[in-house]
N, C-alpha and C. Protein backbone atom coordinates (compact mmCIF):
# COMPACT_ATOMS: atom_id res chain seq x y z
N UNK A 1 -58.44 -36.50 30.63
CA UNK A 1 -59.55 -37.40 30.51
C UNK A 1 -59.93 -38.19 31.56
N UNK A 2 -60.97 -37.99 31.88
CA UNK A 2 -61.42 -39.18 33.01
C UNK A 2 -62.17 -40.21 32.89
N UNK A 3 -61.66 -41.17 33.89
CA UNK A 3 -62.46 -42.48 34.00
C UNK A 3 -63.10 -42.38 35.32
N UNK A 4 -64.32 -42.77 34.49
CA UNK A 4 -65.59 -43.20 35.60
C UNK A 4 -66.04 -44.43 35.39
N UNK A 5 -66.13 -45.48 36.72
CA UNK A 5 -66.65 -46.41 37.05
C UNK A 5 -68.09 -45.96 37.15
N UNK A 6 -69.34 -47.12 36.93
CA UNK A 6 -70.91 -46.48 37.67
C UNK A 6 -71.53 -47.81 37.15
N UNK A 7 -72.89 -47.83 38.00
CA UNK A 7 -73.73 -48.59 37.95
C UNK A 7 -74.82 -47.95 37.05
N UNK A 8 -75.36 -48.84 36.25
CA UNK A 8 -76.86 -48.39 35.86
C UNK A 8 -77.78 -48.94 36.51
N UNK A 9 -78.91 -48.24 37.14
CA UNK A 9 -79.97 -49.30 37.78
C UNK A 9 -81.19 -49.04 36.51
N UNK A 10 -81.74 -50.63 36.47
CA UNK A 10 -82.97 -50.66 35.64
C UNK A 10 -83.31 -51.72 35.92
N UNK A 11 -85.38 -51.90 35.93
CA UNK A 11 -85.88 -52.82 36.14
C UNK A 11 -85.01 -54.26 35.17
N UNK A 12 -85.29 -55.35 36.28
CA UNK A 12 -84.59 -56.49 35.55
C UNK A 12 -84.70 -56.47 33.81
N UNK A 13 -85.94 -56.45 33.47
CA UNK A 13 -86.21 -56.82 31.98
C UNK A 13 -85.98 -55.58 31.15
N UNK A 14 -85.74 -54.64 31.73
CA UNK A 14 -85.31 -53.70 30.72
C UNK A 14 -84.16 -53.19 30.54
N UNK A 15 -83.01 -54.17 31.36
CA UNK A 15 -81.50 -54.52 31.53
C UNK A 15 -80.77 -54.56 29.85
N UNK A 16 -81.60 -55.56 28.94
CA UNK A 16 -81.25 -55.35 27.71
C UNK A 16 -81.16 -54.29 26.66
N UNK A 17 -82.46 -53.58 26.88
CA UNK A 17 -82.80 -52.55 26.05
C UNK A 17 -81.95 -51.44 26.43
N UNK A 18 -81.80 -51.36 27.57
CA UNK A 18 -80.90 -50.04 27.85
C UNK A 18 -79.48 -50.67 27.93
N UNK A 19 -79.07 -51.60 27.54
CA UNK A 19 -77.58 -51.99 27.49
C UNK A 19 -77.51 -51.89 25.64
N UNK A 20 -78.59 -51.92 24.92
CA UNK A 20 -78.70 -51.89 23.38
C UNK A 20 -78.39 -50.19 23.57
N UNK A 21 -79.16 -49.31 24.15
CA UNK A 21 -79.26 -48.33 23.55
C UNK A 21 -77.61 -47.68 24.12
N UNK A 22 -77.42 -47.89 25.02
CA UNK A 22 -76.10 -47.34 25.73
C UNK A 22 -74.89 -47.95 24.98
N UNK A 23 -75.10 -48.76 23.96
CA UNK A 23 -73.83 -49.83 23.22
C UNK A 23 -73.58 -48.72 22.35
N UNK A 24 -74.47 -47.96 21.98
CA UNK A 24 -74.02 -46.75 20.43
C UNK A 24 -73.05 -45.89 21.25
N UNK A 25 -72.92 -45.63 22.31
CA UNK A 25 -71.76 -44.46 22.67
C UNK A 25 -70.40 -45.35 22.59
N UNK A 26 -69.74 -44.88 22.07
CA UNK A 26 -67.94 -44.57 21.73
C UNK A 26 -67.15 -44.70 23.26
N UNK A 27 -67.69 -43.92 23.86
CA UNK A 27 -67.16 -43.43 25.47
C UNK A 27 -67.34 -44.54 26.28
N UNK A 28 -68.46 -45.55 25.94
CA UNK A 28 -68.97 -46.08 26.97
C UNK A 28 -68.08 -47.75 26.77
N UNK A 29 -67.66 -48.48 28.10
CA UNK A 29 -67.09 -50.06 28.03
C UNK A 29 -68.08 -50.77 29.22
N UNK A 30 -69.20 -51.49 28.50
CA UNK A 30 -69.67 -52.10 29.53
C UNK A 30 -69.24 -53.64 29.80
N UNK A 31 -69.29 -53.96 30.89
CA UNK A 31 -69.00 -54.94 31.79
C UNK A 31 -69.14 -56.08 32.90
N UNK A 32 -71.00 -56.04 32.49
CA UNK A 32 -71.72 -56.78 32.99
C UNK A 32 -72.95 -56.70 33.38
N UNK A 33 -73.52 -57.62 33.72
CA UNK A 33 -75.32 -57.16 34.39
C UNK A 33 -75.40 -57.99 35.42
N UNK A 34 -76.06 -57.62 36.41
CA UNK A 34 -76.59 -58.43 37.79
C UNK A 34 -77.76 -59.17 37.79
N UNK A 35 -78.27 -60.18 37.85
CA UNK A 35 -79.69 -60.38 37.96
C UNK A 35 -80.61 -59.43 38.42
N UNK A 36 -80.16 -58.59 39.50
CA UNK A 36 -80.85 -57.33 39.72
C UNK A 36 -81.20 -56.09 38.99
N UNK A 37 -80.62 -56.58 38.03
CA UNK A 37 -80.85 -54.91 36.24
C UNK A 37 -79.98 -54.00 36.44
N UNK A 38 -78.72 -54.16 37.47
CA UNK A 38 -77.60 -53.27 37.72
C UNK A 38 -76.73 -53.51 35.94
N UNK A 39 -76.46 -53.04 35.38
CA UNK A 39 -75.45 -52.61 34.10
C UNK A 39 -74.32 -51.89 34.90
N UNK A 40 -72.95 -52.40 34.81
CA UNK A 40 -71.87 -51.48 35.11
C UNK A 40 -70.86 -51.03 33.95
N UNK A 41 -70.43 -50.11 34.00
CA UNK A 41 -69.78 -49.45 32.81
C UNK A 41 -68.74 -48.82 33.29
N UNK A 42 -68.11 -48.33 32.33
CA UNK A 42 -66.80 -47.78 32.39
C UNK A 42 -66.61 -46.42 31.49
N UNK A 43 -67.02 -45.10 31.71
CA UNK A 43 -66.94 -44.37 30.79
C UNK A 43 -65.68 -43.17 30.70
N UNK A 44 -64.46 -43.12 29.85
CA UNK A 44 -63.68 -42.66 29.13
C UNK A 44 -64.21 -40.79 28.33
N UNK A 45 -64.18 -39.88 29.11
CA UNK A 45 -64.57 -38.67 28.64
C UNK A 45 -63.57 -37.41 29.36
N UNK A 46 -63.37 -36.45 28.28
CA UNK A 46 -63.08 -35.22 29.33
C UNK A 46 -63.61 -34.81 30.54
N UNK A 47 -63.12 -34.72 31.44
CA UNK A 47 -63.48 -34.61 32.64
C UNK A 47 -65.05 -32.94 32.64
N UNK A 48 -64.75 -32.28 32.07
CA UNK A 48 -65.85 -31.18 31.64
C UNK A 48 -66.93 -31.59 30.83
N UNK A 49 -66.83 -32.85 30.18
CA UNK A 49 -68.28 -33.44 30.11
C UNK A 49 -68.81 -34.49 30.95
N UNK A 50 -68.56 -34.94 32.16
CA UNK A 50 -68.80 -35.60 32.96
C UNK A 50 -70.13 -35.58 33.54
N UNK A 51 -70.44 -34.41 33.83
CA UNK A 51 -71.90 -33.92 34.22
C UNK A 51 -73.01 -34.33 33.28
N UNK A 52 -72.91 -33.81 31.96
CA UNK A 52 -73.72 -33.46 31.00
C UNK A 52 -73.56 -35.61 30.51
N UNK A 53 -72.70 -35.93 30.40
CA UNK A 53 -72.69 -37.44 29.72
C UNK A 53 -73.48 -38.34 30.82
N UNK A 54 -73.37 -38.23 31.92
CA UNK A 54 -73.91 -39.18 33.10
C UNK A 54 -75.57 -38.75 33.30
N UNK A 55 -75.53 -37.83 32.99
CA UNK A 55 -77.07 -37.01 33.26
C UNK A 55 -77.92 -37.79 31.81
N UNK A 56 -76.98 -37.58 30.48
CA UNK A 56 -78.07 -38.03 29.62
C UNK A 56 -77.77 -39.59 29.53
N UNK A 57 -76.89 -40.38 30.30
CA UNK A 57 -77.28 -42.07 30.45
C UNK A 57 -78.70 -41.94 31.53
N UNK A 58 -78.22 -41.10 32.52
CA UNK A 58 -79.57 -41.05 33.31
C UNK A 58 -80.75 -40.66 32.60
N UNK A 59 -81.11 -40.02 31.55
CA UNK A 59 -82.32 -39.95 31.21
C UNK A 59 -82.75 -40.80 30.33
N UNK A 60 -81.94 -41.84 29.75
CA UNK A 60 -82.43 -42.97 28.75
C UNK A 60 -83.15 -43.56 29.32
N UNK A 61 -83.99 -43.52 28.44
CA UNK A 61 -85.64 -44.21 28.54
C UNK A 61 -85.27 -46.15 29.29
N UNK A 62 -85.65 -46.37 30.40
CA UNK A 62 -85.42 -47.60 31.35
C UNK A 62 -84.60 -47.36 32.26
N UNK A 63 -83.82 -46.72 32.43
CA UNK A 63 -82.92 -46.31 33.32
C UNK A 63 -83.35 -45.83 34.64
N UNK A 64 -83.17 -46.17 35.82
CA UNK A 64 -83.86 -45.93 36.98
C UNK A 64 -83.01 -44.71 38.02
N UNK A 65 -81.46 -44.91 37.69
CA UNK A 65 -80.47 -43.95 38.54
C UNK A 65 -79.06 -44.81 38.03
N UNK A 66 -78.20 -43.50 38.28
CA UNK A 66 -76.82 -44.04 37.47
C UNK A 66 -76.20 -43.57 39.07
N UNK A 67 -75.00 -44.74 39.39
CA UNK A 67 -74.67 -44.42 40.67
C UNK A 67 -72.92 -44.68 40.55
N UNK A 68 -72.57 -43.62 40.36
CA UNK A 68 -71.39 -43.36 40.41
C UNK A 68 -70.31 -44.05 41.38
N UNK A 69 -69.31 -44.83 41.14
CA UNK A 69 -68.62 -45.23 41.81
C UNK A 69 -67.01 -45.49 42.14
N UNK A 70 -66.57 -44.80 40.80
CA UNK A 70 -65.02 -44.15 40.97
C UNK A 70 -64.75 -43.40 40.01
N UNK A 71 -64.13 -42.38 40.23
CA UNK A 71 -63.66 -40.99 39.31
C UNK A 71 -62.59 -41.03 39.31
N UNK A 72 -61.24 -40.71 38.22
CA UNK A 72 -60.08 -40.57 38.05
C UNK A 72 -59.66 -39.10 36.80
N UNK A 73 -59.29 -38.47 37.41
CA UNK A 73 -59.09 -37.35 36.61
C UNK A 73 -57.25 -37.40 36.75
N UNK A 74 -56.34 -37.71 37.32
CA UNK A 74 -55.40 -37.74 37.74
C UNK A 74 -54.40 -36.67 36.50
N UNK A 75 -54.95 -37.58 35.18
CA UNK A 75 -53.87 -37.20 33.82
C UNK A 75 -54.08 -35.66 33.87
N UNK A 76 -55.57 -35.64 34.06
CA UNK A 76 -55.91 -33.76 33.97
C UNK A 76 -55.27 -33.04 34.70
N UNK A 77 -55.29 -33.37 36.02
CA UNK A 77 -54.60 -32.69 37.28
C UNK A 77 -52.93 -32.48 37.15
N UNK A 78 -52.62 -33.24 36.41
CA UNK A 78 -50.97 -33.56 36.36
C UNK A 78 -50.66 -32.49 35.09
N UNK A 79 -51.22 -32.70 33.87
CA UNK A 79 -50.93 -31.83 33.21
C UNK A 79 -51.50 -30.29 33.43
N UNK A 80 -52.11 -29.87 34.53
CA UNK A 80 -52.66 -28.75 34.62
C UNK A 80 -51.53 -27.97 36.04
N UNK A 81 -50.67 -28.89 36.66
CA UNK A 81 -50.03 -28.86 37.28
C UNK A 81 -50.32 -28.94 38.96
N UNK A 82 -51.83 -29.55 38.99
CA UNK A 82 -51.83 -29.37 40.19
C UNK A 82 -51.79 -30.72 41.09
N UNK A 83 -51.21 -31.63 40.69
CA UNK A 83 -50.66 -32.66 41.02
C UNK A 83 -48.92 -32.85 41.01
């Protein structure tokens, strides 16, 4: 399981709409919104789905861009004997 922290940039007036759309996803945890419209999330998903999940979030109406801040896949690397 990978854990990824990221910011979703929106126009300030689109933040609540985007947040409502992303609230349907069971693998996302919402941590807050800044005055500039940035929404802060953590995604917990298998590492082989990260690119697809982040692209789907980026393609959501009202999203300007997705800015990953951190990615942790240590448990998967340990399970494969790579750590």
